[in-house]
Amino acid sequence: MIKDSKEHLDEINETYFEHMAVAFKIAINMLLTSVICLIHGLITGLFKKTASNMIVKMHEIVSRN
């Protein structure tokens, strides 16, 4: 497991803490996006494109790595 982690970090050229920061940023964005989706489901006039835009941005971040 440690070897796999080291290989993964080497592949994406990040330190452990850099990778953790990116992962946490994505996780927080995913949580926020899901709350926005729930609100949009209840009140469809709110956040019409917000979740879609956030998903596209998260995909760009993940695709870079």
C-alpha atoms as a PDB file:
ATOM      1  CA  MET A   1       0.000   0.000   0.000  1.00  0.00           C
ATOM      2  CA  ILE A   2       2.802   2.418   0.843  1.00  0.00           C
ATOM      3  CA  LYS A   3       4.584   1.483  -2.368  1.00  0.00           C
ATOM      4  CA  ASP A   4       1.402   2.117  -4.398  1.00  0.00           C
ATOM      5  CA  SER A   5       0.945   5.472  -2.698  1.00  0.00           C
ATOM      6  CA  LYS A   6       4.535   6.490  -3.429  1.00  0.00           C
ATOM      7  CA  GLU A   7       4.175   5.421  -7.064  1.00  0.00           C
ATOM      8  CA  HIS A   8       0.959   7.415  -7.390  1.00  0.00           C
ATOM      9  CA  LEU A   9       2.548  10.532  -5.924  1.00  0.00           C
ATOM     10  CA  ASP A  10       5.538  10.130  -8.245  1.00  0.00           C
ATOM     11  CA  GLU A  11       3.236   9.714 -11.269  1.00  0.00           C
ATOM     12  CA  ILE A  12       1.414  12.969 -10.569  1.00  0.00           C
ATOM     13  CA  ASN A  13       4.517  14.783  -9.302  1.00  0.00           C
ATOM     14  CA  GLU A  14       3.025  15.870  -5.984  1.00  0.00           C
ATOM     15  CA  THR A  15       4.096  15.549  -2.391  1.00  0.00           C
ATOM     16  CA  TYR A  16       1.857  13.836   0.131  1.00  0.00           C
ATOM     17  CA  PHE A  17       0.595  17.159   1.505  1.00  0.00           C
ATOM     18  CA  GLU A  18       0.084  18.701  -1.939  1.00  0.00           C
ATOM     19  CA  HIS A  19      -1.976  15.689  -2.943  1.00  0.00           C
ATOM     20  CA  MET A  20      -3.934  15.800   0.308  1.00  0.00           C
ATOM     21  CA  ALA A  21      -4.729  19.482  -0.248  1.00  0.00           C
ATOM     22  CA  VAL A  22      -6.016  18.815  -3.772  1.00  0.00           C
ATOM     23  CA  ALA A  23      -8.069  15.830  -2.594  1.00  0.00           C
ATOM     24  CA  PHE A  24      -9.588  17.856   0.257  1.00  0.00           C
ATOM     25  CA  LYS A  25     -10.377  20.744  -2.101  1.00  0.00           C
ATOM     26  CA  ILE A  26     -12.174  18.374  -4.463  1.00  0.00           C
ATOM     27  CA  ALA A  27     -14.038  16.700  -1.582  1.00  0.00           C
ATOM     28  CA  ILE A  28     -15.246  20.044  -0.217  1.00  0.00           C
ATOM     29  CA  ASN A  29     -16.323  21.124  -3.697  1.00  0.00           C
ATOM     30  CA  MET A  30     -18.207  17.846  -4.153  1.00  0.00           C
ATOM     31  CA  LEU A  31     -20.029  18.359  -0.859  1.00  0.00           C
ATOM     32  CA  LEU A  32     -20.937  21.918  -1.806  1.00  0.00           C
ATOM     33  CA  THR A  33     -22.057  20.793  -5.266  1.00  0.00           C
ATOM     34  CA  SER A  34     -24.323  18.128  -3.795  1.00  0.00           C
ATOM     35  CA  VAL A  35     -25.937  20.642  -1.429  1.00  0.00           C
ATOM     36  CA  ILE A  36     -26.520  22.947  -4.388  1.00  0.00           C
ATOM     37  CA  CYS A  37     -28.089  20.035  -6.317  1.00  0.00           C
ATOM     38  CA  LEU A  38     -30.394  19.282  -3.388  1.00  0.00           C
ATOM     39  CA  ILE A  39     -31.475  22.923  -3.203  1.00  0.00           C
ATOM     40  CA  HIS A  40     -31.992  23.003  -6.974  1.00  0.00           C
ATOM     41  CA  GLY A  41     -34.125  19.859  -6.709  1.00  0.00           C
ATOM     42  CA  LEU A  42     -36.388  21.594  -4.210  1.00  0.00           C
ATOM     43  CA  ILE A  43     -36.429  25.035  -5.843  1.00  0.00           C
ATOM     44  CA  THR A  44     -35.699  24.517  -9.524  1.00  0.00           C
ATOM     45  CA  GLY A  45     -35.351  28.215 -10.234  1.00  0.00           C
ATOM     46  CA  LEU A  46     -32.200  28.410  -8.118  1.00  0.00           C
ATOM     47  CA  PHE A  47     -28.722  27.292  -9.204  1.00  0.00           C
ATOM     48  CA  LYS A  48     -29.790  26.402 -12.756  1.00  0.00           C
ATOM     49  CA  LYS A  49     -26.219  26.003 -14.045  1.00  0.00           C
ATOM     50  CA  THR A  50     -24.153  26.235 -10.859  1.00  0.00           C
ATOM     51  CA  ALA A  51     -23.714  22.506 -10.192  1.00  0.00           C
ATOM     52  CA  SER A  52     -22.937  21.767 -13.844  1.00  0.00           C
ATOM     53  CA  ASN A  53     -20.294  24.489 -13.913  1.00  0.00           C
ATOM     54  CA  MET A  54     -18.758  23.246 -10.668  1.00  0.00           C
ATOM     55  CA  ILE A  55     -18.587  19.674 -12.003  1.00  0.00           C
ATOM     56  CA  VAL A  56     -16.826  20.882 -15.160  1.00  0.00           C
ATOM     57  CA  LYS A  57     -14.272  22.789 -13.049  1.00  0.00           C
ATOM     58  CA  MET A  58     -13.664  19.764 -10.815  1.00  0.00           C
ATOM     59  CA  HIS A  59     -13.186  17.587 -13.891  1.00  0.00           C
ATOM     60  CA  GLU A  60     -10.576  20.036 -15.208  1.00  0.00           C
ATOM     61  CA  ILE A  61      -8.680  19.893 -11.908  1.00  0.00           C
ATOM     62  CA  VAL A  62      -8.751  16.091 -11.773  1.00  0.00           C
ATOM     63  CA  SER A  63      -7.833  15.735 -15.453  1.00  0.00           C
ATOM     64  CA  ARG A  64      -4.694  17.839 -14.974  1.00  0.00           C
ATOM     65  CA  ASN A  65      -3.412  15.310 -12.488  1.00  0.00           C
END
